[in-house]
Amino acid sequence: WSGPAVLLSPIPNKCDHIHGETWESQWQSTVEVLTHHNAGPLAIGVGSSLDEQMFITEMMEGTVICGNVSLATNLFELCPLWFLYTFPGDHFWKNHLDNAKGIALLVDIVAHLGKLETSRHREQL
């Protein structure tokens, strides 16, 4: 898959395309697969609990592939179409009905950004 994607509290697991025996190697493999397939725009939804935010941010930054996340913009420095979006709630934020509209909006925004990016690439050809 290449193109727009939304990941909700992503935690990689070893599978066909994700390799490694440790958390770090599985995160490395996940980010390599996503960048290799030109996934983007890519929104990563996380809950507002500090431990979830820090864990996902640190693991993503630890791969060094997309650089660090800007605290001001939530954008990754080397993957400018990748960003973090925080939803209210602890680790079960995805199950809260109150967040359903926010998740739908995030999907819509990423799809719209994907269309804009596709149009921009066509104009450059």
Foldseek 3Di string as FASTA:
>chain_A
DAFEDEAELDQFDDDDQADDDDSLSRLLSVVCVHVVRHHFLYEYEYEPPPVSVVVVQCSNCSSVQQHHQDPVFQAGNNSRSYGYDYDYDDRCRVVDPVCPVVVVVVSVVGVVVRVVVVVVVVVVD
